[in-house]
C-alpha cells in the first residue's frame, strides 16, 4: 500500500523503518537534535518534526517546541530529495533549502540523515 507523502502514516512508517535497523543508530551515536521541517506549496505549508536522541528517531506532523534547526523547502524540492533526484548539499547551495538555527548540528548529523534518506527511498510513497 502506498503512503501519501508528508502524511501522518508516512511519518509513522518512516520512523518505524529507520528504528528497525541499527544503521541509523550507529551513524547518530549519542547525538541529540530537534529539527523542524517546513514544506511550502501553493496550497499552504506542511510542517513535520524529527527528533534524534541516543540513536533513535521520532517523527510527527506539526510543530516542535524549541527546535535546534528549522529547514524550509518547497514541496517539489522535498519530493526531489525523497526520490534522491537532488542532494541536500546541492539543494542548499542552489538556495532551494533554507536553514535557520544550528547548521553545525545538521552537518554533524550528515551520516545519520543519510541513513534516514536510505530508509525513505525504500518506502512505497505516493507523491
PDB file of N, CA and C in Angstrom:
ATOM      1  N   UNK A   1       0.836  -1.178   0.000  1.00  0.00           N
ATOM      2  CA  UNK A   1       0.000   0.000   0.000  1.00  0.00           C
ATOM      3  C   UNK A   1       0.886   1.249   0.000  1.00  0.00           C
ATOM      4  N   UNK A   2       0.599   2.154  -0.897  1.00  0.00           N
ATOM      5  CA  UNK A   2       1.357   3.401  -0.970  1.00  0.00           C
ATOM      6  C   UNK A   2       0.996   4.329   0.180  1.00  0.00           C
ATOM      7  N   UNK A   3       2.003   4.996   0.675  1.00  0.00           N
ATOM      8  CA  UNK A   3       1.819   6.004   1.718  1.00  0.00           C
ATOM      9  C   UNK A   3       1.809   7.379   1.066  1.00  0.00           C
ATOM     10  N   UNK A   4       0.891   8.231   1.466  1.00  0.00           N
ATOM     11  CA  UNK A   4       0.864   9.591   0.933  1.00  0.00           C
ATOM     12  C   UNK A   4       2.018  10.370   1.555  1.00  0.00           C
ATOM     13  N   UNK A   5       2.840  10.966   0.710  1.00  0.00           N
ATOM     14  CA  UNK A   5       3.992  11.740   1.158  1.00  0.00           C
ATOM     15  C   UNK A   5       3.543  12.834   2.117  1.00  0.00           C
ATOM     16  N   UNK A   6       4.268  12.989   3.197  1.00  0.00           N
ATOM     17  CA  UNK A   6       4.040  14.003   4.224  1.00  0.00           C
ATOM     18  C   UNK A   6       2.724  13.807   4.980  1.00  0.00           C
ATOM     19  N   UNK A   7       2.264  12.575   5.053  1.00  0.00           N
ATOM     20  CA  UNK A   7       1.071  12.257   5.843  1.00  0.00           C
ATOM     21  C   UNK A   7       1.502  11.689   7.191  1.00  0.00           C
ATOM     22  N   UNK A   8       0.609  11.648   8.170  1.00  0.00           N
ATOM     23  CA  UNK A   8       0.959  11.016   9.450  1.00  0.00           C
ATOM     24  C   UNK A   8       1.389   9.557   9.273  1.00  0.00           C
ATOM     25  N   UNK A   9       0.751   8.836   8.350  1.00  0.00           N
ATOM     26  CA  UNK A   9       1.115   7.436   8.105  1.00  0.00           C
ATOM     27  C   UNK A   9       2.526   7.323   7.538  1.00  0.00           C
ATOM     28  N   UNK A  10       2.884   8.253   6.663  1.00  0.00           N
ATOM     29  CA  UNK A  10       4.242   8.293   6.111  1.00  0.00           C
ATOM     30  C   UNK A  10       5.256   8.514   7.233  1.00  0.00           C
ATOM     31  N   UNK A  11       4.987   9.482   8.112  1.00  0.00           N
ATOM     32  CA  UNK A  11       5.904   9.774   9.224  1.00  0.00           C
ATOM     33  C   UNK A  11       6.048   8.563  10.138  1.00  0.00           C
ATOM     34  N   UNK A  12       4.935   7.888  10.428  1.00  0.00           N
ATOM     35  CA  UNK A  12       4.981   6.702  11.295  1.00  0.00           C
ATOM     36  C   UNK A  12       5.771   5.571  10.643  1.00  0.00           C
ATOM     37  N   UNK A  13       5.523   5.334   9.350  1.00  0.00           N
ATOM     38  CA  UNK A  13       6.219   4.255   8.644  1.00  0.00           C
ATOM     39  C   UNK A  13       7.712   4.540   8.534  1.00  0.00           C
ATOM     40  N   UNK A  14       8.065   5.780   8.275  1.00  0.00           N
ATOM     41  CA  UNK A  14       9.477   6.143   8.167  1.00  0.00           C
ATOM     42  C   UNK A  14      10.176   6.003   9.514  1.00  0.00           C
ATOM     43  N   UNK A  15       9.524   6.431  10.579  1.00  0.00           N
ATOM     44  CA  UNK A  15      10.087   6.271  11.924  1.00  0.00           C
ATOM     45  C   UNK A  15      10.350   4.797  12.214  1.00  0.00           C
ATOM     46  N   UNK A  16       9.356   3.944  11.931  1.00  0.00           N
ATOM     47  CA  UNK A  16       9.496   2.508  12.195  1.00  0.00           C
ATOM     48  C   UNK A  16      10.610   1.897  11.353  1.00  0.00           C
ATOM     49  N   UNK A  17      10.693   2.289  10.078  1.00  0.00           N
ATOM     50  CA  UNK A  17      11.720   1.734   9.196  1.00  0.00           C
ATOM     51  C   UNK A  17      13.121   2.111   9.661  1.00  0.00           C
ATOM     52  N   UNK A  18      13.308   3.357  10.050  1.00  0.00           N
ATOM     53  CA  UNK A  18      14.630   3.816  10.492  1.00  0.00           C
ATOM     54  C   UNK A  18      15.037   3.116  11.782  1.00  0.00           C
ATOM     55  N   UNK A  19      14.112   2.998  12.721  1.00  0.00           N
ATOM     56  CA  UNK A  19      14.434   2.409  14.021  1.00  0.00           C
ATOM     57  C   UNK A  19      14.512   0.888  13.993  1.00  0.00           C
ATOM     58  N   UNK A  20      14.071   0.250  12.888  1.00  0.00           N
ATOM     59  CA  UNK A  20      14.085  -1.213  12.800  1.00  0.00           C
ATOM     60  C   UNK A  20      15.498  -1.776  12.659  1.00  0.00           C
ATOM     61  N   UNK A  21      16.389  -1.025  12.071  1.00  0.00           N
ATOM     62  CA  UNK A  21      17.758  -1.496  11.889  1.00  0.00           C
ATOM     63  C   UNK A  21      18.713  -0.754  12.795  1.00  0.00           C
ATOM     64  N   UNK A  22      20.000  -1.065  12.657  1.00  0.00           N
ATOM     65  CA  UNK A  22      20.984  -0.398  13.513  1.00  0.00           C
ATOM     66  C   UNK A  22      21.854   0.613  12.759  1.00  0.00           C
ATOM     67  N   UNK A  23      21.651   0.764  11.444  1.00  0.00           N
ATOM     68  CA  UNK A  23      22.484   1.685  10.657  1.00  0.00           C
ATOM     69  C   UNK A  23      22.318   3.125  11.128  1.00  0.00           C
ATOM     70  N   UNK A  24      21.083   3.551  11.353  1.00  0.00           N
ATOM     71  CA  UNK A  24      20.849   4.918  11.817  1.00  0.00           C
ATOM     72  C   UNK A  24      21.437   5.106  13.207  1.00  0.00           C
ATOM     73  N   UNK A  25      21.197   4.156  14.093  1.00  0.00           N
ATOM     74  CA  UNK A  25      21.697   4.261  15.472  1.00  0.00           C
ATOM     75  C   UNK A  25      23.214   4.390  15.491  1.00  0.00           C
ATOM     76  N   UNK A  26      23.892   3.608  14.666  1.00  0.00           N
ATOM     77  CA  UNK A  26      25.351   3.685  14.617  1.00  0.00           C
ATOM     78  C   UNK A  26      25.813   5.032  14.074  1.00  0.00           C
ATOM     79  N   UNK A  27      25.115   5.544  13.057  1.00  0.00           N
ATOM     80  CA  UNK A  27      25.508   6.826  12.467  1.00  0.00           C
ATOM     81  C   UNK A  27      25.200   8.000  13.396  1.00  0.00           C
ATOM     82  N   UNK A  28      24.089   7.918  14.125  1.00  0.00           N
ATOM     83  CA  UNK A  28      23.687   9.026  15.008  1.00  0.00           C
ATOM     84  C   UNK A  28      24.459   9.028  16.315  1.00  0.00           C
ATOM     85  N   UNK A  29      24.845   7.847  16.782  1.00  0.00           N
ATOM     86  CA  UNK A  29      25.559   7.764  18.054  1.00  0.00           C
ATOM     87  C   UNK A  29      24.748   8.361  19.185  1.00  0.00           C
ATOM     88  N   UNK A  30      25.388   9.158  20.008  1.00  0.00           N
ATOM     89  CA  UNK A  30      24.728   9.744  21.179  1.00  0.00           C
ATOM     90  C   UNK A  30      24.234  11.167  20.917  1.00  0.00           C
ATOM     91  N   UNK A  31      24.186  11.561  19.649  1.00  0.00           N
ATOM     92  CA  UNK A  31      23.770  12.925  19.326  1.00  0.00           C
ATOM     93  C   UNK A  31      22.285  13.139  19.613  1.00  0.00           C
ATOM     94  N   UNK A  32      21.949  14.373  19.918  1.00  0.00           N
ATOM     95  CA  UNK A  32      20.560  14.787  20.143  1.00  0.00           C
ATOM     96  C   UNK A  32      20.255  15.943  19.211  1.00  0.00           C
ATOM     97  N   UNK A  33      19.078  15.922  18.600  1.00  0.00           N
ATOM     98  CA  UNK A  33      18.679  17.023  17.717  1.00  0.00           C
ATOM     99  C   UNK A  33      17.163  17.114  17.659  1.00  0.00           C
ATOM    100  N   UNK A  34      16.692  18.341  17.507  1.00  0.00           N
ATOM    101  CA  UNK A  34      15.268  18.632  17.335  1.00  0.00           C
ATOM    102  C   UNK A  34      15.159  19.475  16.067  1.00  0.00           C
ATOM    103  N   UNK A  35      14.576  18.883  15.021  1.00  0.00           N
ATOM    104  CA  UNK A  35      14.557  19.517  13.705  1.00  0.00           C
ATOM    105  C   UNK A  35      13.117  19.734  13.251  1.00  0.00           C
ATOM    106  N   UNK A  36      12.811  20.956  12.891  1.00  0.00           N
ATOM    107  CA  UNK A  36      11.502  21.304  12.331  1.00  0.00           C
ATOM    108  C   UNK A  36      11.627  21.384  10.819  1.00  0.00           C
ATOM    109  N   UNK A  37      10.713  20.769  10.105  1.00  0.00           N
ATOM    110  CA  UNK A  37      10.670  20.851   8.645  1.00  0.00           C
ATOM    111  C   UNK A  37       9.434  21.640   8.234  1.00  0.00           C
ATOM    112  N   UNK A  38       9.607  22.563   7.302  1.00  0.00           N
ATOM    113  CA  UNK A  38       8.503  23.344   6.750  1.00  0.00           C
ATOM    114  C   UNK A  38       8.527  23.146   5.237  1.00  0.00           C
ATOM    115  N   UNK A  39       7.456  22.571   4.705  1.00  0.00           N
ATOM    116  CA  UNK A  39       7.342  22.310   3.279  1.00  0.00           C
ATOM    117  C   UNK A  39       6.284  23.262   2.726  1.00  0.00           C
ATOM    118  N   UNK A  40       6.686  24.093   1.772  1.00  0.00           N
ATOM    119  CA  UNK A  40       5.767  25.092   1.228  1.00  0.00           C
ATOM    120  C   UNK A  40       5.203  24.637  -0.116  1.00  0.00           C
ATOM    121  N   UNK A  41       3.971  25.038  -0.375  1.00  0.00           N
ATOM    122  CA  UNK A  41       3.329  24.770  -1.660  1.00  0.00           C
ATOM    123  C   UNK A  41       2.300  25.864  -1.907  1.00  0.00           C
ATOM    124  N   UNK A  42       1.755  25.936  -3.113  1.00  0.00           N
ATOM    125  CA  UNK A  42       0.723  26.936  -3.373  1.00  0.00           C
ATOM    126  C   UNK A  42      -0.500  26.781  -2.458  1.00  0.00           C
ATOM    127  N   UNK A  43      -0.714  25.581  -1.935  1.00  0.00           N
ATOM    128  CA  UNK A  43      -1.859  25.317  -1.057  1.00  0.00           C
ATOM    129  C   UNK A  43      -1.573  25.631   0.404  1.00  0.00           C
ATOM    130  N   UNK A  44      -0.358  26.045   0.721  1.00  0.00           N
ATOM    131  CA  UNK A  44      -0.006  26.348   2.107  1.00  0.00           C
ATOM    132  C   UNK A  44       1.230  25.590   2.545  1.00  0.00           C
ATOM    133  N   UNK A  45       1.366  25.411   3.847  1.00  0.00           N
ATOM    134  CA  UNK A  45       2.538  24.742   4.422  1.00  0.00           C
ATOM    135  C   UNK A  45       2.158  23.399   5.030  1.00  0.00           C
ATOM    136  N   UNK A  46       3.099  22.471   4.934  1.00  0.00           N
ATOM    137  CA  UNK A  46       3.037  21.229   5.690  1.00  0.00           C
ATOM    138  C   UNK A  46       4.225  21.262   6.628  1.00  0.00           C
ATOM    139  N   UNK A  47       3.972  20.973   7.886  1.00  0.00           N
ATOM    140  CA  UNK A  47       5.031  21.040   8.893  1.00  0.00           C
ATOM    141  C   UNK A  47       5.148  19.677   9.570  1.00  0.00           C
ATOM    142  N   UNK A  48       6.391  19.213   9.671  1.00  0.00           N
ATOM    143  CA  UNK A  48       6.647  17.994  10.442  1.00  0.00           C
ATOM    144  C   UNK A  48       7.962  18.155  11.175  1.00  0.00           C
ATOM    145  N   UNK A  49       8.160  17.306  12.165  1.00  0.00           N
ATOM    146  CA  UNK A  49       9.349  17.409  13.001  1.00  0.00           C
ATOM    147  C   UNK A  49      10.044  16.061  13.095  1.00  0.00           C
ATOM    148  N   UNK A  50      11.315  16.158  13.441  1.00  0.00           N
ATOM    149  CA  UNK A  50      12.151  14.980  13.669  1.00  0.00           C
ATOM    150  C   UNK A  50      12.953  15.226  14.937  1.00  0.00           C
ATOM    151  N   UNK A  51      12.972  14.243  15.816  1.00  0.00           N
ATOM    152  CA  UNK A  51      13.875  14.300  16.964  1.00  0.00           C
ATOM    153  C   UNK A  51      14.806  13.100  16.899  1.00  0.00           C
ATOM    154  N   UNK A  52      16.034  13.337  17.282  1.00  0.00           N
ATOM    155  CA  UNK A  52      17.055  12.292  17.329  1.00  0.00           C
ATOM    156  C   UNK A  52      17.612  12.295  18.736  1.00  0.00           C
ATOM    157  N   UNK A  53      17.586  11.121  19.353  1.00  0.00           N
ATOM    158  CA  UNK A  53      18.074  11.012  20.722  1.00  0.00           C
ATOM    159  C   UNK A  53      18.672   9.631  20.945  1.00  0.00           C
ATOM    160  N   UNK A  54      19.958   9.609  21.248  1.00  0.00           N
ATOM    161  CA  UNK A  54      20.661   8.364  21.576  1.00  0.00           C
ATOM    162  C   UNK A  54      20.419   7.258  20.553  1.00  0.00           C
ATOM    163  N   UNK A  55      20.525   7.607  19.273  1.00  0.00           N
ATOM    164  CA  UNK A  55      20.451   6.604  18.218  1.00  0.00           C
ATOM    165  C   UNK A  55      19.063   6.239  17.747  1.00  0.00           C
ATOM    166  N   UNK A  56      18.039   6.876  18.269  1.00  0.00           N
ATOM    167  CA  UNK A  56      16.689   6.613  17.787  1.00  0.00           C
ATOM    168  C   UNK A  56      16.089   7.896  17.224  1.00  0.00           C
ATOM    169  N   UNK A  57      15.121   7.710  16.365  1.00  0.00           N
ATOM    170  CA  UNK A  57      14.459   8.841  15.725  1.00  0.00           C
ATOM    171  C   UNK A  57      12.975   8.777  16.028  1.00  0.00           C
ATOM    172  N   UNK A  58      12.368   9.929  16.126  1.00  0.00           N
ATOM    173  CA  UNK A  58      10.912  10.049  16.206  1.00  0.00           C
ATOM    174  C   UNK A  58      10.512  11.132  15.223  1.00  0.00           C
ATOM    175  N   UNK A  59       9.374  10.934  14.572  1.00  0.00           N
ATOM    176  CA  UNK A  59       8.869  11.913  13.612  1.00  0.00           C
ATOM    177  C   UNK A  59       7.381  12.087  13.823  1.00  0.00           C
ATOM    178  N   UNK A  60       6.898  13.272  13.513  1.00  0.00           N
ATOM    179  CA  UNK A  60       5.469  13.523  13.606  1.00  0.00           C
ATOM    180  C   UNK A  60       5.102  14.770  12.839  1.00  0.00           C
ATOM    181  N   UNK A  61       3.834  14.933  12.630  1.00  0.00           N
ATOM    182  CA  UNK A  61       3.328  16.088  11.902  1.00  0.00           C
ATOM    183  C   UNK A  61       3.094  17.233  12.877  1.00  0.00           C
ATOM    184  N   UNK A  62       3.260  18.455  12.385  1.00  0.00           N
ATOM    185  CA  UNK A  62       3.009  19.626  13.210  1.00  0.00           C
ATOM    186  C   UNK A  62       4.291  20.338  13.588  1.00  0.00           C
ATOM    187  N   UNK A  63       4.200  21.084  14.675  1.00  0.00           N
ATOM    188  CA  UNK A  63       5.311  21.921  15.125  1.00  0.00           C
ATOM    189  C   UNK A  63       6.006  21.340  16.343  1.00  0.00           C
ATOM    190  N   UNK A  64       7.278  21.627  16.437  1.00  0.00           N
ATOM    191  CA  UNK A  64       8.132  21.192  17.530  1.00  0.00           C
ATOM    192  C   UNK A  64       8.506  22.415  18.357  1.00  0.00           C
ATOM    193  N   UNK A  65       8.375  22.320  19.663  1.00  0.00           N
ATOM    194  CA  UNK A  65       8.803  23.410  20.536  1.00  0.00           C
ATOM    195  C   UNK A  65      10.324  23.484  20.554  1.00  0.00           C
ATOM    196  N   UNK A  66      10.852  24.673  20.410  1.00  0.00           N
ATOM    197  CA  UNK A  66      12.286  24.957  20.532  1.00  0.00           C
ATOM    198  C   UNK A  66      13.168  24.038  19.680  1.00  0.00           C
ATOM    199  N   UNK A  67      12.975  24.038  18.343  1.00  0.00           N
ATOM    200  CA  UNK A  67      13.850  23.213  17.504  1.00  0.00           C
ATOM    201  C   UNK A  67      15.276  23.763  17.481  1.00  0.00           C
ATOM    202  N   UNK A  68      16.231  22.860  17.283  1.00  0.00           N
ATOM    203  CA  UNK A  68      17.626  23.271  17.100  1.00  0.00           C
ATOM    204  C   UNK A  68      17.817  23.913  15.732  1.00  0.00           C
ATOM    205  N   UNK A  69      17.050  23.441  14.760  1.00  0.00           N
ATOM    206  CA  UNK A  69      17.133  23.970  13.397  1.00  0.00           C
ATOM    207  C   UNK A  69      15.773  23.831  12.727  1.00  0.00           C
ATOM    208  N   UNK A  70      15.493  24.755  11.833  1.00  0.00           N
ATOM    209  CA  UNK A  70      14.291  24.695  11.004  1.00  0.00           C
ATOM    210  C   UNK A  70      14.734  24.690   9.552  1.00  0.00           C
ATOM    211  N   UNK A  71      14.247  23.701   8.811  1.00  0.00           N
ATOM    212  CA  UNK A  71      14.585  23.544   7.401  1.00  0.00           C
ATOM    213  C   UNK A  71      13.331  23.844   6.591  1.00  0.00           C
ATOM    214  N   UNK A  72      13.446  24.788   5.655  1.00  0.00           N
ATOM    215  CA  UNK A  72      12.312  25.177   4.821  1.00  0.00           C
ATOM    216  C   UNK A  72      12.648  24.896   3.364  1.00  0.00           C
ATOM    217  N   UNK A  73      11.682  24.296   2.665  1.00  0.00           N
ATOM    218  CA  UNK A  73      11.859  23.965   1.257  1.00  0.00           C
ATOM    219  C   UNK A  73      10.486  23.860   0.606  1.00  0.00           C
ATOM    220  N   UNK A  74      10.457  23.911  -0.716  1.00  0.00           N
ATOM    221  CA  UNK A  74       9.200  23.745  -1.438  1.00  0.00           C
ATOM    222  C   UNK A  74       8.821  22.266  -1.472  1.00  0.00           C
ATOM    223  N   UNK A  75       7.565  22.013  -1.783  1.00  0.00           N
ATOM    224  CA  UNK A  75       7.101  20.637  -1.932  1.00  0.00           C
ATOM    225  C   UNK A  75       7.910  19.931  -3.025  1.00  0.00           C
ATOM    226  N   UNK A  76       8.124  20.600  -4.155  1.00  0.00           N
ATOM    227  CA  UNK A  76       8.882  19.987  -5.252  1.00  0.00           C
ATOM    228  C   UNK A  76      10.304  19.631  -4.829  1.00  0.00           C
ATOM    229  N   UNK A  77      10.930  20.481  -4.031  1.00  0.00           N
ATOM    230  CA  UNK A  77      12.273  20.185  -3.530  1.00  0.00           C
ATOM    231  C   UNK A  77      12.234  18.995  -2.584  1.00  0.00           C
ATOM    232  N   UNK A  78      11.238  18.941  -1.704  1.00  0.00           N
ATOM    233  CA  UNK A  78      11.107  17.814  -0.773  1.00  0.00           C
ATOM    234  C   UNK A  78      10.935  16.501  -1.528  1.00  0.00           C
ATOM    235  N   UNK A  79      10.138  16.519  -2.593  1.00  0.00           N
ATOM    236  CA  UNK A  79       9.953  15.315  -3.408  1.00  0.00           C
ATOM    237  C   UNK A  79      11.269  14.927  -4.076  1.00  0.00           C
ATOM    238  N   UNK A  80      11.975  15.889  -4.642  1.00  0.00           N
ATOM    239  CA  UNK A  80      13.256  15.599  -5.299  1.00  0.00           C
ATOM    240  C   UNK A  80      14.262  15.012  -4.312  1.00  0.00           C
ATOM    241  N   UNK A  81      14.284  15.516  -3.089  1.00  0.00           N
ATOM    242  CA  UNK A  81      15.167  14.955  -2.061  1.00  0.00           C
ATOM    243  C   UNK A  81      14.754  13.528  -1.720  1.00  0.00           C
ATOM    244  N   UNK A  82      13.455  13.307  -1.521  1.00  0.00           N
ATOM    245  CA  UNK A  82      12.968  11.978  -1.145  1.00  0.00           C
ATOM    246  C   UNK A  82      13.243  10.947  -2.232  1.00  0.00           C
ATOM    247  N   UNK A  83      13.161  11.370  -3.473  1.00  0.00           N
ATOM    248  CA  UNK A  83      13.413  10.464  -4.604  1.00  0.00           C
ATOM    249  C   UNK A  83      14.890  10.375  -4.953  1.00  0.00           C
ATOM    250  N   UNK A  84      15.711  11.108  -4.230  1.00  0.00           N
ATOM    251  CA  UNK A  84      17.154  11.154  -4.454  1.00  0.00           C
ATOM    252  C   UNK A  84      17.521  11.724  -5.816  1.00  0.00           C
ATOM    253  N   UNK A  85      16.681  12.630  -6.293  1.00  0.00           N
ATOM    254  CA  UNK A  85      16.960  13.354  -7.529  1.00  0.00           C
ATOM    255  C   UNK A  85      17.764  14.619  -7.242  1.00  0.00           C
ATOM    256  N   UNK A  86      17.862  14.986  -5.972  1.00  0.00           N
ATOM    257  CA  UNK A  86      18.580  16.176  -5.527  1.00  0.00           C
ATOM    258  C   UNK A  86      19.263  15.846  -4.210  1.00  0.00           C
ATOM    259  N   UNK A  87      20.530  16.214  -4.092  1.00  0.00           N
ATOM    260  CA  UNK A  87      21.221  16.003  -2.815  1.00  0.00           C
ATOM    261  C   UNK A  87      20.947  17.196  -1.904  1.00  0.00           C
ATOM    262  N   UNK A  88      20.954  16.980  -0.589  1.00  0.00           N
ATOM    263  CA  UNK A  88      20.748  18.102   0.328  1.00  0.00           C
ATOM    264  C   UNK A  88      21.770  19.224   0.134  1.00  0.00           C
ATOM    265  N   UNK A  89      23.021  18.869  -0.100  1.00  0.00           N
ATOM    266  CA  UNK A  89      24.065  19.887  -0.266  1.00  0.00           C
ATOM    267  C   UNK A  89      23.791  20.722  -1.515  1.00  0.00           C
ATOM    268  N   UNK A  90      23.474  20.057  -2.617  1.00  0.00           N
ATOM    269  CA  UNK A  90      23.170  20.782  -3.852  1.00  0.00           C
ATOM    270  C   UNK A  90      21.945  21.670  -3.669  1.00  0.00           C
ATOM    271  N   UNK A  91      20.911  21.129  -3.028  1.00  0.00           N
ATOM    272  CA  UNK A  91      19.705  21.915  -2.777  1.00  0.00           C
ATOM    273  C   UNK A  91      19.987  23.152  -1.949  1.00  0.00           C
ATOM    274  N   UNK A  92      20.833  23.003  -0.941  1.00  0.00           N
ATOM    275  CA  UNK A  92      21.200  24.143  -0.099  1.00  0.00           C
ATOM    276  C   UNK A  92      21.996  25.168  -0.898  1.00  0.00           C
ATOM    277  N   UNK A  93      22.979  24.694  -1.661  1.00  0.00           N
ATOM    278  CA  UNK A  93      23.831  25.599  -2.437  1.00  0.00           C
ATOM    279  C   UNK A  93      23.041  26.345  -3.516  1.00  0.00           C
ATOM    280  N   UNK A  94      21.979  25.715  -4.028  1.00  0.00           N
ATOM    281  CA  UNK A  94      21.139  26.341  -5.050  1.00  0.00           C
ATOM    282  C   UNK A  94      20.084  27.268  -4.442  1.00  0.00           C
ATOM    283  N   UNK A  95      20.015  27.311  -3.119  1.00  0.00           N
ATOM    284  CA  UNK A  95      19.029  28.157  -2.458  1.00  0.00           C
ATOM    285  C   UNK A  95      17.648  27.546  -2.372  1.00  0.00           C
ATOM    286  N   UNK A  96      17.534  26.261  -2.677  1.00  0.00           N
ATOM    287  CA  UNK A  96      16.239  25.584  -2.617  1.00  0.00           C
ATOM    288  C   UNK A  96      15.897  25.118  -1.210  1.00  0.00           C
ATOM    289  N   UNK A  97      16.900  25.058  -0.352  1.00  0.00           N
ATOM    290  CA  UNK A  97      16.721  24.640   1.039  1.00  0.00           C
ATOM    291  C   UNK A  97      17.252  25.760   1.917  1.00  0.00           C
ATOM    292  N   UNK A  98      16.438  26.212   2.826  1.00  0.00           N
ATOM    293  CA  UNK A  98      16.828  27.269   3.772  1.00  0.00           C
ATOM    294  C   UNK A  98      16.932  26.653   5.161  1.00  0.00           C
ATOM    295  N   UNK A  99      17.968  27.025   5.886  1.00  0.00           N
ATOM    296  CA  UNK A  99      18.176  26.519   7.243  1.00  0.00           C
ATOM    297  C   UNK A  99      18.277  27.695   8.196  1.00  0.00           C
ATOM    298  N   UNK A 100      17.476  27.656   9.234  1.00  0.00           N
ATOM    299  CA  UNK A 100      17.577  28.602  10.342  1.00  0.00           C
ATOM    300  C   UNK A 100      17.958  27.801  11.574  1.00  0.00           C
ATOM    301  N   UNK A 101      18.931  28.288  12.321  1.00  0.00           N
ATOM    302  CA  UNK A 101      19.329  27.589  13.535  1.00  0.00           C
ATOM    303  C   UNK A 101      20.712  26.985  13.407  1.00  0.00           C
ATOM    304  N   UNK A 102      20.916  25.873  14.072  1.00  0.00           N
ATOM    305  CA  UNK A 102      22.223  25.261  14.253  1.00  0.00           C
ATOM    306  C   UNK A 102      22.659  24.439  13.037  1.00  0.00           C
ATOM    307  N   UNK A 103      23.258  25.104  12.063  1.00  0.00           N
ATOM    308  CA  UNK A 103      23.737  24.433  10.858  1.00  0.00           C
ATOM    309  C   UNK A 103      24.842  23.434  11.178  1.00  0.00           C
ATOM    310  N   UNK A 104      25.692  23.742  12.139  1.00  0.00           N
ATOM    311  CA  UNK A 104      26.758  22.824  12.531  1.00  0.00           C
ATOM    312  C   UNK A 104      26.212  21.498  13.033  1.00  0.00           C
ATOM    313  N   UNK A 105      25.128  21.541  13.782  1.00  0.00           N
ATOM    314  CA  UNK A 105      24.494  20.313  14.265  1.00  0.00           C
ATOM    315  C   UNK A 105      24.021  19.472  13.088  1.00  0.00           C
ATOM    316  N   UNK A 106      23.375  20.100  12.122  1.00  0.00           N
ATOM    317  CA  UNK A 106      22.901  19.365  10.949  1.00  0.00           C
ATOM    318  C   UNK A 106      24.064  18.760  10.172  1.00  0.00           C
ATOM    319  N   UNK A 107      25.151  19.505  10.039  1.00  0.00           N
ATOM    320  CA  UNK A 107      26.318  18.977   9.333  1.00  0.00           C
ATOM    321  C   UNK A 107      26.891  17.770  10.072  1.00  0.00           C
ATOM    322  N   UNK A 108      26.889  17.823  11.395  1.00  0.00           N
ATOM    323  CA  UNK A 108      27.369  16.700  12.188  1.00  0.00           C
ATOM    324  C   UNK A 108      26.476  15.476  12.097  1.00  0.00           C
ATOM    325  N   UNK A 109      25.239  15.686  11.689  1.00  0.00           N
ATOM    326  CA  UNK A 109      24.285  14.584  11.546  1.00  0.00           C
ATOM    327  C   UNK A 109      24.188  14.076  10.112  1.00  0.00           C
ATOM    328  N   UNK A 110      25.087  14.512   9.244  1.00  0.00           N
ATOM    329  CA  UNK A 110      25.001  14.147   7.825  1.00  0.00           C
ATOM    330  C   UNK A 110      24.922  12.636   7.626  1.00  0.00           C
ATOM    331  N   UNK A 111      25.727  11.881   8.335  1.00  0.00           N
ATOM    332  CA  UNK A 111      25.699  10.427   8.191  1.00  0.00           C
ATOM    333  C   UNK A 111      24.371   9.836   8.617  1.00  0.00           C
ATOM    334  N   UNK A 112      23.861  10.287   9.753  1.00  0.00           N
ATOM    335  CA  UNK A 112      22.577   9.783  10.249  1.00  0.00           C
ATOM    336  C   UNK A 112      21.440  10.191   9.318  1.00  0.00           C
ATOM    337  N   UNK A 113      21.466  11.436   8.843  1.00  0.00           N
ATOM    338  CA  UNK A 113      20.417  11.892   7.936  1.00  0.00           C
ATOM    339  C   UNK A 113      20.492  11.160   6.599  1.00  0.00           C
ATOM    340  N   UNK A 114      21.681  10.731   6.213  1.00  0.00           N
ATOM    341  CA  UNK A 114      21.820   9.891   5.026  1.00  0.00           C
ATOM    342  C   UNK A 114      21.140   8.546   5.209  1.00  0.00           C
ATOM    343  N   UNK A 115      21.235   7.977   6.407  1.00  0.00           N
ATOM    344  CA  UNK A 115      20.547   6.707   6.702  1.00  0.00           C
ATOM    345  C   UNK A 115      19.040   6.904   6.705  1.00  0.00           C
ATOM    346  N   UNK A 116      18.583   8.069   7.164  1.00  0.00           N
ATOM    347  CA  UNK A 116      17.166   8.406   7.096  1.00  0.00           C
ATOM    348  C   UNK A 116      16.719   8.450   5.632  1.00  0.00           C
ATOM    349  N   UNK A 117      17.523   9.066   4.775  1.00  0.00           N
ATOM    350  CA  UNK A 117      17.210   9.134   3.344  1.00  0.00           C
ATOM    351  C   UNK A 117      17.178   7.739   2.723  1.00  0.00           C
ATOM    352  N   UNK A 118      18.091   6.849   3.148  1.00  0.00           N
ATOM    353  CA  UNK A 118      18.081   5.467   2.657  1.00  0.00           C
ATOM    354  C   UNK A 118      16.752   4.795   2.976  1.00  0.00           C
ATOM    355  N   UNK A 119      16.292   4.953   4.213  1.00  0.00           N
ATOM    356  CA  UNK A 119      15.023   4.344   4.629  1.00  0.00           C
ATOM    357  C   UNK A 119      13.858   4.958   3.863  1.00  0.00           C
ATOM    358  N   UNK A 120      13.903   6.262   3.638  1.00  0.00           N
ATOM    359  CA  UNK A 120      12.828   6.940   2.909  1.00  0.00           C
ATOM    360  C   UNK A 120      12.723   6.411   1.484  1.00  0.00           C
ATOM    361  N   UNK A 121      13.866   6.156   0.862  1.00  0.00           N
ATOM    362  CA  UNK A 121      13.885   5.673  -0.516  1.00  0.00           C
ATOM    363  C   UNK A 121      13.277   4.278  -0.644  1.00  0.00           C
ATOM    364  N   UNK A 122      13.256   3.522   0.436  1.00  0.00           N
ATOM    365  CA  UNK A 122      12.716   2.164   0.413  1.00  0.00           C
ATOM    366  C   UNK A 122      11.200   2.115   0.592  1.00  0.00           C
ATOM    367  N   UNK A 123      10.592   3.203   1.044  1.00  0.00           N
ATOM    368  CA  UNK A 123       9.145   3.222   1.264  1.00  0.00           C
ATOM    369  C   UNK A 123       8.395   3.346  -0.061  1.00  0.00           C
ATOM    370  N   UNK A 124       7.209   2.742  -0.117  1.00  0.00           N
ATOM    371  CA  UNK A 124       6.312   2.885  -1.261  1.00  0.00           C
ATOM    372  C   UNK A 124       5.474   4.137  -1.014  1.00  0.00           C
ATOM    373  N   UNK A 125       5.842   5.225  -1.681  1.00  0.00           N
ATOM    374  CA  UNK A 125       5.250   6.533  -1.390  1.00  0.00           C
ATOM    375  C   UNK A 125       4.541   7.081  -2.624  1.00  0.00           C
ATOM    376  N   UNK A 126       3.385   7.657  -2.389  1.00  0.00           N
ATOM    377  CA  UNK A 126       2.631   8.352  -3.432  1.00  0.00           C
ATOM    378  C   UNK A 126       2.909   9.842  -3.295  1.00  0.00           C
ATOM    379  N   UNK A 127       3.472  10.451  -4.330  1.00  0.00           N
ATOM    380  CA  UNK A 127       3.816  11.871  -4.304  1.00  0.00           C
ATOM    381  C   UNK A 127       2.748  12.690  -5.006  1.00  0.00           C
TER     382      UNK A 127
END
